[in-house]
Amino acid sequence: MKAAAQAAELHEALAKAQDDHLSYVTLERGTLIPTDRVAKRTEAGNHAWYSGKHKRFGDNVQVIADPNGFPLWTSPVEPGSAHDITAARAHCWGAPYPIAAKG
């Protein structure tokens, strides 16, 4: 049920952006927050929190921002090894489309 609550927050943020007449929002995919979480391993034995893209340990967070770059919503944390598009699909990929269609 937690994911449903988070989805509601995302839709609320997008609805507010529309109410505020923002011309667009951006999805900042793959924002890595540096961390020292190094204990967990993937099934393949790799460090789950290590981002090969950024060459360091961290948390992968998706951010939807207004035209000035101010965050309107942030996703739940994924391990740094999670691919950006996979994390975006899991948390927010299709969410802006119904709002944009209302125009």
PDB file of N, CA and C in Angstrom:
ATOM      1  N   MET A   1       0.806  -1.194   0.000  1.00  0.00           N
ATOM      2  CA  MET A   1       0.000   0.000   0.000  1.00  0.00           C
ATOM      3  C   MET A   1       0.852   1.263   0.000  1.00  0.00           C
ATOM      4  N   LYS A   2       2.100   1.138   0.414  1.00  0.00           N
ATOM      5  CA  LYS A   2       2.989   2.293   0.458  1.00  0.00           C
ATOM      6  C   LYS A   2       3.173   2.888  -0.943  1.00  0.00           C
ATOM      7  N   ALA A   3       3.348   2.044  -1.957  1.00  0.00           N
ATOM      8  CA  ALA A   3       3.552   2.533  -3.314  1.00  0.00           C
ATOM      9  C   ALA A   3       2.339   3.336  -3.785  1.00  0.00           C
ATOM     10  N   ALA A   4       1.136   2.906  -3.416  1.00  0.00           N
ATOM     11  CA  ALA A   4      -0.065   3.638  -3.805  1.00  0.00           C
ATOM     12  C   ALA A   4      -0.077   5.025  -3.183  1.00  0.00           C
ATOM     13  N   ALA A   5       0.345   5.146  -1.941  1.00  0.00           N
ATOM     14  CA  ALA A   5       0.401   6.453  -1.282  1.00  0.00           C
ATOM     15  C   ALA A   5       1.416   7.352  -1.966  1.00  0.00           C
ATOM     16  N   GLN A   6       2.556   6.791  -2.353  1.00  0.00           N
ATOM     17  CA  GLN A   6       3.575   7.581  -3.034  1.00  0.00           C
ATOM     18  C   GLN A   6       3.088   8.015  -4.407  1.00  0.00           C
ATOM     19  N   ALA A   7       2.369   7.134  -5.108  1.00  0.00           N
ATOM     20  CA  ALA A   7       1.839   7.500  -6.415  1.00  0.00           C
ATOM     21  C   ALA A   7       0.871   8.661  -6.284  1.00  0.00           C
ATOM     22  N   ALA A   8       0.035   8.651  -5.248  1.00  0.00           N
ATOM     23  CA  ALA A   8      -0.900   9.756  -5.032  1.00  0.00           C
ATOM     24  C   ALA A   8      -0.135  11.060  -4.853  1.00  0.00           C
ATOM     25  N   GLU A   9       0.955  11.024  -4.121  1.00  0.00           N
ATOM     26  CA  GLU A   9       1.755  12.234  -3.927  1.00  0.00           C
ATOM     27  C   GLU A   9       2.313  12.728  -5.259  1.00  0.00           C
ATOM     28  N   LEU A  10       2.738  11.823  -6.109  1.00  0.00           N
ATOM     29  CA  LEU A  10       3.264  12.198  -7.420  1.00  0.00           C
ATOM     30  C   LEU A  10       2.163  12.856  -8.247  1.00  0.00           C
ATOM     31  N   HIS A  11       0.993  12.237  -8.293  1.00  0.00           N
ATOM     32  CA  HIS A  11      -0.107  12.805  -9.072  1.00  0.00           C
ATOM     33  C   HIS A  11      -0.555  14.151  -8.507  1.00  0.00           C
ATOM     34  N   GLU A  12      -0.505  14.298  -7.192  1.00  0.00           N
ATOM     35  CA  GLU A  12      -0.838  15.584  -6.578  1.00  0.00           C
ATOM     36  C   GLU A  12       0.173  16.652  -6.989  1.00  0.00           C
ATOM     37  N   ALA A  13       1.453  16.301  -7.003  1.00  0.00           N
ATOM     38  CA  ALA A  13       2.497  17.258  -7.399  1.00  0.00           C
ATOM     39  C   ALA A  13       2.311  17.671  -8.855  1.00  0.00           C
ATOM     40  N   LEU A  14       1.963  16.717  -9.713  1.00  0.00           N
ATOM     41  CA  LEU A  14       1.759  17.044 -11.122  1.00  0.00           C
ATOM     42  C   LEU A  14       0.489  17.873 -11.328  1.00  0.00           C
ATOM     43  N   ALA A  15      -0.548  17.559 -10.577  1.00  0.00           N
ATOM     44  CA  ALA A  15      -1.778  18.350 -10.671  1.00  0.00           C
ATOM     45  C   ALA A  15      -1.531  19.784 -10.205  1.00  0.00           C
ATOM     46  N   LYS A  16      -0.732  19.947  -9.145  1.00  0.00           N
ATOM     47  CA  LYS A  16      -0.400  21.289  -8.664  1.00  0.00           C
ATOM     48  C   LYS A  16       0.409  22.044  -9.715  1.00  0.00           C
ATOM     49  N   ALA A  17       1.339  21.343 -10.374  1.00  0.00           N
ATOM     50  CA  ALA A  17       2.125  21.985 -11.439  1.00  0.00           C
ATOM     51  C   ALA A  17       1.206  22.480 -12.542  1.00  0.00           C
ATOM     52  N   GLN A  18       0.193  21.696 -12.868  1.00  0.00           N
ATOM     53  CA  GLN A  18      -0.765  22.115 -13.889  1.00  0.00           C
ATOM     54  C   GLN A  18      -1.587  23.309 -13.387  1.00  0.00           C
ATOM     55  N   ASP A  19      -2.035  23.247 -12.137  1.00  0.00           N
ATOM     56  CA  ASP A  19      -2.805  24.353 -11.558  1.00  0.00           C
ATOM     57  C   ASP A  19      -1.984  25.641 -11.509  1.00  0.00           C
ATOM     58  N   ASP A  20      -0.656  25.493 -11.320  1.00  0.00           N
ATOM     59  CA  ASP A  20       0.240  26.652 -11.283  1.00  0.00           C
ATOM     60  C   ASP A  20       0.634  27.114 -12.687  1.00  0.00           C
ATOM     61  N   HIS A  21       0.071  26.474 -13.708  1.00  0.00           N
ATOM     62  CA  HIS A  21       0.305  26.818 -15.117  1.00  0.00           C
ATOM     63  C   HIS A  21       1.781  26.721 -15.511  1.00  0.00           C
ATOM     64  N   LEU A  22       2.478  25.713 -14.961  1.00  0.00           N
ATOM     65  CA  LEU A  22       3.859  25.494 -15.383  1.00  0.00           C
ATOM     66  C   LEU A  22       3.851  25.011 -16.821  1.00  0.00           C
ATOM     67  N   SER A  23       4.740  25.532 -17.638  1.00  0.00           N
ATOM     68  CA  SER A  23       4.761  25.155 -19.049  1.00  0.00           C
ATOM     69  C   SER A  23       5.254  23.724 -19.245  1.00  0.00           C
ATOM     70  N   TYR A  24       6.060  23.225 -18.327  1.00  0.00           N
ATOM     71  CA  TYR A  24       6.555  21.851 -18.393  1.00  0.00           C
ATOM     72  C   TYR A  24       7.180  21.474 -17.063  1.00  0.00           C
ATOM     73  N   VAL A  25       7.387  20.195 -16.871  1.00  0.00           N
ATOM     74  CA  VAL A  25       8.189  19.673 -15.767  1.00  0.00           C
ATOM     75  C   VAL A  25       9.238  18.771 -16.381  1.00  0.00           C
ATOM     76  N   THR A  26      10.320  18.550 -15.662  1.00  0.00           N
ATOM     77  CA  THR A  26      11.376  17.673 -16.167  1.00  0.00           C
ATOM     78  C   THR A  26      11.564  16.498 -15.225  1.00  0.00           C
ATOM     79  N   LEU A  27      11.951  15.373 -15.814  1.00  0.00           N
ATOM     80  CA  LEU A  27      12.310  14.196 -15.042  1.00  0.00           C
ATOM     81  C   LEU A  27      13.824  14.121 -15.034  1.00  0.00           C
ATOM     82  N   GLU A  28      14.396  14.354 -13.868  1.00  0.00           N
ATOM     83  CA  GLU A  28      15.842  14.261 -13.696  1.00  0.00           C
ATOM     84  C   GLU A  28      16.146  12.805 -13.340  1.00  0.00           C
ATOM     85  N   ARG A  29      16.441  12.003 -14.345  1.00  0.00           N
ATOM     86  CA  ARG A  29      16.658  10.577 -14.117  1.00  0.00           C
ATOM     87  C   ARG A  29      18.054  10.323 -13.553  1.00  0.00           C
ATOM     88  N   GLY A  30      18.097   9.453 -12.581  1.00  0.00           N
ATOM     89  CA  GLY A  30      19.368   8.948 -12.101  1.00  0.00           C
ATOM     90  C   GLY A  30      20.179   9.911 -11.269  1.00  0.00           C
ATOM     91  N   THR A  31      19.547  10.691 -10.427  1.00  0.00           N
ATOM     92  CA  THR A  31      20.279  11.534  -9.497  1.00  0.00           C
ATOM     93  C   THR A  31      20.878  10.620  -8.432  1.00  0.00           C
ATOM     94  N   LEU A  32      22.187  10.636  -8.288  1.00  0.00           N
ATOM     95  CA  LEU A  32      22.852   9.761  -7.320  1.00  0.00           C
ATOM     96  C   LEU A  32      23.202  10.558  -6.072  1.00  0.00           C
ATOM     97  N   ILE A  33      22.704  10.091  -4.936  1.00  0.00           N
ATOM     98  CA  ILE A  33      23.025  10.694  -3.647  1.00  0.00           C
ATOM     99  C   ILE A  33      24.134   9.846  -3.032  1.00  0.00           C
ATOM    100  N   PRO A  34      25.342  10.383  -2.864  1.00  0.00           N
ATOM    101  CA  PRO A  34      26.440   9.581  -2.317  1.00  0.00           C
ATOM    102  C   PRO A  34      26.109   9.018  -0.937  1.00  0.00           C
ATOM    103  N   THR A  35      26.513   7.785  -0.701  1.00  0.00           N
ATOM    104  CA  THR A  35      26.242   7.114   0.566  1.00  0.00           C
ATOM    105  C   THR A  35      27.346   6.104   0.849  1.00  0.00           C
ATOM    106  N   ASP A  36      27.288   5.524   2.022  1.00  0.00           N
ATOM    107  CA  ASP A  36      28.281   4.502   2.376  1.00  0.00           C
ATOM    108  C   ASP A  36      27.639   3.128   2.551  1.00  0.00           C
ATOM    109  N   ARG A  37      26.456   2.902   1.955  1.00  0.00           N
ATOM    110  CA  ARG A  37      25.789   1.600   2.029  1.00  0.00           C
ATOM    111  C   ARG A  37      26.514   0.619   1.118  1.00  0.00           C
ATOM    112  N   VAL A  38      27.347  -0.190   1.688  1.00  0.00           N
ATOM    113  CA  VAL A  38      28.140  -1.083   0.853  1.00  0.00           C
ATOM    114  C   VAL A  38      27.928  -2.559   1.148  1.00  0.00           C
ATOM    115  N   ALA A  39      27.147  -2.902   2.141  1.00  0.00           N
ATOM    116  CA  ALA A  39      27.040  -4.295   2.564  1.00  0.00           C
ATOM    117  C   ALA A  39      26.196  -5.165   1.640  1.00  0.00           C
ATOM    118  N   LYS A  40      25.110  -4.646   1.097  1.00  0.00           N
ATOM    119  CA  LYS A  40      24.189  -5.465   0.327  1.00  0.00           C
ATOM    120  C   LYS A  40      24.760  -5.812  -1.045  1.00  0.00           C
ATOM    121  N   ARG A  41      24.585  -7.072  -1.408  1.00  0.00           N
ATOM    122  CA  ARG A  41      25.044  -7.556  -2.716  1.00  0.00           C
ATOM    123  C   ARG A  41      23.848  -7.941  -3.581  1.00  0.00           C
ATOM    124  N   THR A  42      24.013  -7.851  -4.901  1.00  0.00           N
ATOM    125  CA  THR A  42      22.991  -8.310  -5.833  1.00  0.00           C
ATOM    126  C   THR A  42      23.077  -9.820  -5.955  1.00  0.00           C
ATOM    127  N   GLU A  43      22.132 -10.430  -6.685  1.00  0.00           N
ATOM    128  CA  GLU A  43      22.171 -11.880  -6.900  1.00  0.00           C
ATOM    129  C   GLU A  43      23.444 -12.302  -7.617  1.00  0.00           C
ATOM    130  N   ALA A  44      23.984 -11.426  -8.454  1.00  0.00           N
ATOM    131  CA  ALA A  44      25.223 -11.729  -9.182  1.00  0.00           C
ATOM    132  C   ALA A  44      26.465 -11.534  -8.320  1.00  0.00           C
ATOM    133  N   GLY A  45      26.285 -11.035  -7.089  1.00  0.00           N
ATOM    134  CA  GLY A  45      27.416 -10.834  -6.193  1.00  0.00           C
ATOM    135  C   GLY A  45      28.019  -9.442  -6.217  1.00  0.00           C
ATOM    136  N   ASN A  46      27.475  -8.550  -7.030  1.00  0.00           N
ATOM    137  CA  ASN A  46      27.986  -7.177  -7.114  1.00  0.00           C
ATOM    138  C   ASN A  46      27.432  -6.335  -5.969  1.00  0.00           C
ATOM    139  N   HIS A  47      28.097  -5.226  -5.695  1.00  0.00           N
ATOM    140  CA  HIS A  47      27.601  -4.290  -4.682  1.00  0.00           C
ATOM    141  C   HIS A  47      26.327  -3.630  -5.196  1.00  0.00           C
ATOM    142  N   ALA A  48      25.218  -3.789  -4.475  1.00  0.00           N
ATOM    143  CA  ALA A  48      23.931  -3.235  -4.909  1.00  0.00           C
ATOM    144  C   ALA A  48      23.946  -1.710  -4.937  1.00  0.00           C
ATOM    145  N   TRP A  49      24.669  -1.096  -4.053  1.00  0.00           N
ATOM    146  CA  TRP A  49      24.643   0.365  -3.935  1.00  0.00           C
ATOM    147  C   TRP A  49      25.745   1.051  -4.732  1.00  0.00           C
ATOM    148  N   TYR A  50      26.516   0.290  -5.521  1.00  0.00           N
ATOM    149  CA  TYR A  50      27.580   0.882  -6.334  1.00  0.00           C
ATOM    150  C   TYR A  50      27.031   1.239  -7.713  1.00  0.00           C
ATOM    151  N   SER A  51      27.212   2.485  -8.114  1.00  0.00           N
ATOM    152  CA  SER A  51      26.799   2.946  -9.434  1.00  0.00           C
ATOM    153  C   SER A  51      27.996   2.940 -10.367  1.00  0.00           C
ATOM    154  N   GLY A  52      27.959   2.062 -11.356  1.00  0.00           N
ATOM    155  CA  GLY A  52      29.027   2.035 -12.345  1.00  0.00           C
ATOM    156  C   GLY A  52      29.054   3.307 -13.174  1.00  0.00           C
ATOM    157  N   LYS A  53      27.892   3.888 -13.403  1.00  0.00           N
ATOM    158  CA  LYS A  53      27.789   5.144 -14.160  1.00  0.00           C
ATOM    159  C   LYS A  53      28.544   6.273 -13.451  1.00  0.00           C
ATOM    160  N   HIS A  54      28.368   6.360 -12.134  1.00  0.00           N
ATOM    161  CA  HIS A  54      28.977   7.447 -11.368  1.00  0.00           C
ATOM    162  C   HIS A  54      30.291   7.041 -10.697  1.00  0.00           C
ATOM    163  N   LYS A  55      30.613   5.757 -10.753  1.00  0.00           N
ATOM    164  CA  LYS A  55      31.852   5.217 -10.171  1.00  0.00           C
ATOM    165  C   LYS A  55      31.966   5.491  -8.673  1.00  0.00           C
ATOM    166  N   ARG A  56      30.810   5.327  -7.964  1.00  0.00           N
ATOM    167  CA  ARG A  56      30.812   5.476  -6.509  1.00  0.00           C
ATOM    168  C   ARG A  56      29.540   4.851  -5.934  1.00  0.00           C
ATOM    169  N   PHE A  57      29.507   4.710  -4.629  1.00  0.00           N
ATOM    170  CA  PHE A  57      28.340   4.175  -3.945  1.00  0.00           C
ATOM    171  C   PHE A  57      27.316   5.290  -3.762  1.00  0.00           C
ATOM    172  N   GLY A  58      26.037   4.910  -3.860  1.00  0.00           N
ATOM    173  CA  GLY A  58      25.012   5.911  -3.648  1.00  0.00           C
ATOM    174  C   GLY A  58      23.617   5.373  -3.825  1.00  0.00           C
ATOM    175  N   ASP A  59      22.654   6.278  -3.631  1.00  0.00           N
ATOM    176  CA  ASP A  59      21.239   5.993  -3.776  1.00  0.00           C
ATOM    177  C   ASP A  59      20.761   6.621  -5.081  1.00  0.00           C
ATOM    178  N   ASN A  60      19.980   5.873  -5.857  1.00  0.00           N
ATOM    179  CA  ASN A  60      19.421   6.377  -7.109  1.00  0.00           C
ATOM    180  C   ASN A  60      18.043   6.946  -6.811  1.00  0.00           C
ATOM    181  N   VAL A  61      17.850   8.233  -7.105  1.00  0.00           N
ATOM    182  CA  VAL A  61      16.583   8.914  -6.845  1.00  0.00           C
ATOM    183  C   VAL A  61      16.135   9.601  -8.133  1.00  0.00           C
ATOM    184  N   GLN A  62      14.852   9.463  -8.448  1.00  0.00           N
ATOM    185  CA  GLN A  62      14.261  10.161  -9.582  1.00  0.00           C
ATOM    186  C   GLN A  62      13.632  11.447  -9.050  1.00  0.00           C
ATOM    187  N   VAL A  63      13.775  12.536  -9.785  1.00  0.00           N
ATOM    188  CA  VAL A  63      13.257  13.834  -9.346  1.00  0.00           C
ATOM    189  C   VAL A  63      12.440  14.453 -10.468  1.00  0.00           C
ATOM    190  N   ILE A  64      11.237  14.910 -10.151  1.00  0.00           N
ATOM    191  CA  ILE A  64      10.466  15.715 -11.090  1.00  0.00           C
ATOM    192  C   ILE A  64      10.591  17.153 -10.614  1.00  0.00           C
ATOM    193  N   ALA A  65      11.038  18.013 -11.542  1.00  0.00           N
ATOM    194  CA  ALA A  65      11.356  19.403 -11.189  1.00  0.00           C
ATOM    195  C   ALA A  65      10.570  20.382 -12.056  1.00  0.00           C
ATOM    196  N   ASP A  66      10.410  21.596 -11.517  1.00  0.00           N
ATOM    197  CA  ASP A  66       9.743  22.652 -12.282  1.00  0.00           C
ATOM    198  C   ASP A  66      10.736  23.231 -13.304  1.00  0.00           C
ATOM    199  N   PRO A  67      10.314  24.164 -14.156  1.00  0.00           N
ATOM    200  CA  PRO A  67      11.212  24.705 -15.185  1.00  0.00           C
ATOM    201  C   PRO A  67      12.491  25.349 -14.637  1.00  0.00           C
ATOM    202  N   ASN A  68      12.485  25.761 -13.357  1.00  0.00           N
ATOM    203  CA  ASN A  68      13.681  26.352 -12.753  1.00  0.00           C
ATOM    204  C   ASN A  68      14.575  25.318 -12.090  1.00  0.00           C
ATOM    205  N   GLY A  69      14.166  24.057 -12.121  1.00  0.00           N
ATOM    206  CA  GLY A  69      14.953  22.992 -11.510  1.00  0.00           C
ATOM    207  C   GLY A  69      14.592  22.705 -10.062  1.00  0.00           C
ATOM    208  N   PHE A  70      13.556  23.372  -9.539  1.00  0.00           N
ATOM    209  CA  PHE A  70      13.141  23.141  -8.157  1.00  0.00           C
ATOM    210  C   PHE A  70      12.388  21.815  -8.070  1.00  0.00           C
ATOM    211  N   PRO A  71      12.788  20.939  -7.142  1.00  0.00           N
ATOM    212  CA  PRO A  71      12.131  19.630  -7.041  1.00  0.00           C
ATOM    213  C   PRO A  71      10.670  19.755  -6.606  1.00  0.00           C
ATOM    214  N   LEU A  72       9.792  19.104  -7.359  1.00  0.00           N
ATOM    215  CA  LEU A  72       8.375  19.041  -7.008  1.00  0.00           C
ATOM    216  C   LEU A  72       8.044  17.708  -6.341  1.00  0.00           C
ATOM    217  N   TRP A  73       8.836  16.674  -6.674  1.00  0.00           N
ATOM    218  CA  TRP A  73       8.595  15.325  -6.162  1.00  0.00           C
ATOM    219  C   TRP A  73       9.885  14.526  -6.288  1.00  0.00           C
ATOM    220  N   THR A  74      10.119  13.665  -5.309  1.00  0.00           N
ATOM    221  CA  THR A  74      11.246  12.733  -5.390  1.00  0.00           C
ATOM    222  C   THR A  74      10.729  11.319  -5.174  1.00  0.00           C
ATOM    223  N   SER A  75      11.362  10.389  -5.848  1.00  0.00           N
ATOM    224  CA  SER A  75      10.944   8.989  -5.773  1.00  0.00           C
ATOM    225  C   SER A  75      11.497   8.325  -4.522  1.00  0.00           C
ATOM    226  N   PRO A  76      10.977   7.134  -4.230  1.00  0.00           N
ATOM    227  CA  PRO A  76      11.634   6.318  -3.206  1.00  0.00           C
ATOM    228  C   PRO A  76      13.052   5.973  -3.675  1.00  0.00           C
ATOM    229  N   VAL A  77      13.902   5.668  -2.744  1.00  0.00           N
ATOM    230  CA  VAL A  77      15.301   5.375  -3.045  1.00  0.00           C
ATOM    231  C   VAL A  77      15.449   3.981  -3.647  1.00  0.00           C
ATOM    232  N   GLU A  78      16.270   3.901  -4.682  1.00  0.00           N
ATOM    233  CA  GLU A  78      16.682   2.633  -5.284  1.00  0.00           C
ATOM    234  C   GLU A  78      18.194   2.507  -5.076  1.00  0.00           C
ATOM    235  N   PRO A  79      18.719   1.286  -5.085  1.00  0.00           N
ATOM    236  CA  PRO A  79      20.174   1.134  -4.980  1.00  0.00           C
ATOM    237  C   PRO A  79      20.876   1.830  -6.149  1.00  0.00           C
ATOM    238  N   GLY A  80      22.073   2.292  -5.915  1.00  0.00           N
ATOM    239  CA  GLY A  80      22.850   2.970  -6.949  1.00  0.00           C
ATOM    240  C   GLY A  80      23.070   2.131  -8.187  1.00  0.00           C
ATOM    241  N   SER A  81      23.024   0.814  -8.053  1.00  0.00           N
ATOM    242  CA  SER A  81      23.229  -0.056  -9.207  1.00  0.00           C
ATOM    243  C   SER A  81      21.999  -0.139 -10.101  1.00  0.00           C
ATOM    244  N   ALA A  82      20.854   0.351  -9.621  1.00  0.00           N
ATOM    245  CA  ALA A  82      19.636   0.311 -10.435  1.00  0.00           C
ATOM    246  C   ALA A  82      19.805   1.213 -11.650  1.00  0.00           C
ATOM    247  N   HIS A  83      19.457   0.694 -12.808  1.00  0.00           N
ATOM    248  CA  HIS A  83      19.547   1.487 -14.026  1.00  0.00           C
ATOM    249  C   HIS A  83      18.540   2.633 -13.951  1.00  0.00           C
ATOM    250  N   ASP A  84      18.910   3.799 -14.456  1.00  0.00           N
ATOM    251  CA  ASP A  84      18.062   4.988 -14.376  1.00  0.00           C
ATOM    252  C   ASP A  84      16.673   4.755 -14.966  1.00  0.00           C
ATOM    253  N   ILE A  85      16.606   4.167 -16.134  1.00  0.00           N
ATOM    254  CA  ILE A  85      15.306   3.992 -16.788  1.00  0.00           C
ATOM    255  C   ILE A  85      14.450   2.977 -16.032  1.00  0.00           C
ATOM    256  N   THR A  86      15.073   1.979 -15.441  1.00  0.00           N
ATOM    257  CA  THR A  86      14.337   0.993 -14.655  1.00  0.00           C
ATOM    258  C   THR A  86      13.706   1.650 -13.437  1.00  0.00           C
ATOM    259  N   ALA A  87      14.466   2.487 -12.746  1.00  0.00           N
ATOM    260  CA  ALA A  87      13.941   3.198 -11.576  1.00  0.00           C
ATOM    261  C   ALA A  87      12.837   4.170 -11.986  1.00  0.00           C
ATOM    262  N   ALA A  88      13.015   4.867 -13.089  1.00  0.00           N
ATOM    263  CA  ALA A  88      11.989   5.802 -13.565  1.00  0.00           C
ATOM    264  C   ALA A  88      10.707   5.061 -13.922  1.00  0.00           C
ATOM    265  N   ARG A  89      10.830   3.932 -14.600  1.00  0.00           N
ATOM    266  CA  ARG A  89       9.640   3.146 -14.952  1.00  0.00           C
ATOM    267  C   ARG A  89       8.915   2.659 -13.703  1.00  0.00           C
ATOM    268  N   ALA A  90       9.657   2.301 -12.691  1.00  0.00           N
ATOM    269  CA  ALA A  90       9.052   1.770 -11.471  1.00  0.00           C
ATOM    270  C   ALA A  90       8.286   2.836 -10.687  1.00  0.00           C
ATOM    271  N   HIS A  91       8.717   4.088 -10.781  1.00  0.00           N
ATOM    272  CA  HIS A  91       8.156   5.098  -9.885  1.00  0.00           C
ATOM    273  C   HIS A  91       7.396   6.243 -10.553  1.00  0.00           C
ATOM    274  N   CYS A  92       7.750   6.592 -11.798  1.00  0.00           N
ATOM    275  CA  CYS A  92       7.136   7.831 -12.308  1.00  0.00           C
ATOM    276  C   CYS A  92       7.054   7.963 -13.818  1.00  0.00           C
ATOM    277  N   TRP A  93       7.474   6.998 -14.566  1.00  0.00           N
ATOM    278  CA  TRP A  93       7.638   7.177 -16.017  1.00  0.00           C
ATOM    279  C   TRP A  93       6.380   7.676 -16.716  1.00  0.00           C
ATOM    280  N   GLY A  94       5.244   7.030 -16.539  1.00  0.00           N
ATOM    281  CA  GLY A  94       4.046   7.429 -17.271  1.00  0.00           C
ATOM    282  C   GLY A  94       3.177   8.454 -16.588  1.00  0.00           C
ATOM    283  N   ALA A  95       3.516   8.854 -15.388  1.00  0.00           N
ATOM    284  CA  ALA A  95       2.645   9.728 -14.597  1.00  0.00           C
ATOM    285  C   ALA A  95       2.326  11.073 -15.252  1.00  0.00           C
ATOM    286  N   PRO A  96       3.259  11.759 -15.918  1.00  0.00           N
ATOM    287  CA  PRO A  96       2.920  13.082 -16.466  1.00  0.00           C
ATOM    288  C   PRO A  96       1.931  13.045 -17.626  1.00  0.00           C
ATOM    289  N   TYR A  97       1.804  11.928 -18.323  1.00  0.00           N
ATOM    290  CA  TYR A  97       0.997  11.917 -19.539  1.00  0.00           C
ATOM    291  C   TYR A  97      -0.479  12.216 -19.338  1.00  0.00           C
ATOM    292  N   PRO A  98      -1.157  11.625 -18.342  1.00  0.00           N
ATOM    293  CA  PRO A  98      -2.573  11.989 -18.153  1.00  0.00           C
ATOM    294  C   PRO A  98      -2.767  13.465 -17.821  1.00  0.00           C
ATOM    295  N   ILE A  99      -1.838  14.046 -17.066  1.00  0.00           N
ATOM    296  CA  ILE A  99      -1.928  15.474 -16.727  1.00  0.00           C
ATOM    297  C   ILE A  99      -1.730  16.317 -17.983  1.00  0.00           C
ATOM    298  N   ALA A 100      -0.742  15.962 -18.797  1.00  0.00           N
ATOM    299  CA  ALA A 100      -0.459  16.720 -20.021  1.00  0.00           C
ATOM    300  C   ALA A 100      -1.629  16.646 -20.999  1.00  0.00           C
ATOM    301  N   ALA A 101      -2.312  15.506 -21.038  1.00  0.00           N
ATOM    302  CA  ALA A 101      -3.437  15.350 -21.959  1.00  0.00           C
ATOM    303  C   ALA A 101      -4.597  16.282 -21.612  1.00  0.00           C
ATOM    304  N   LYS A 102      -4.704  16.646 -20.330  1.00  0.00           N
ATOM    305  CA  LYS A 102      -5.780  17.552 -19.906  1.00  0.00           C
ATOM    306  C   LYS A 102      -5.533  18.967 -20.402  1.00  0.00           C
ATOM    307  N   GLY A 103      -4.199  19.270 -20.610  1.00  0.00           N
ATOM    308  CA  GLY A 103      -3.735  20.526 -21.142  1.00  0.00           C
ATOM    309  C   GLY A 103      -4.406  21.695 -20.623  1.00  0.00           C
TER     310      GLY A 103
END
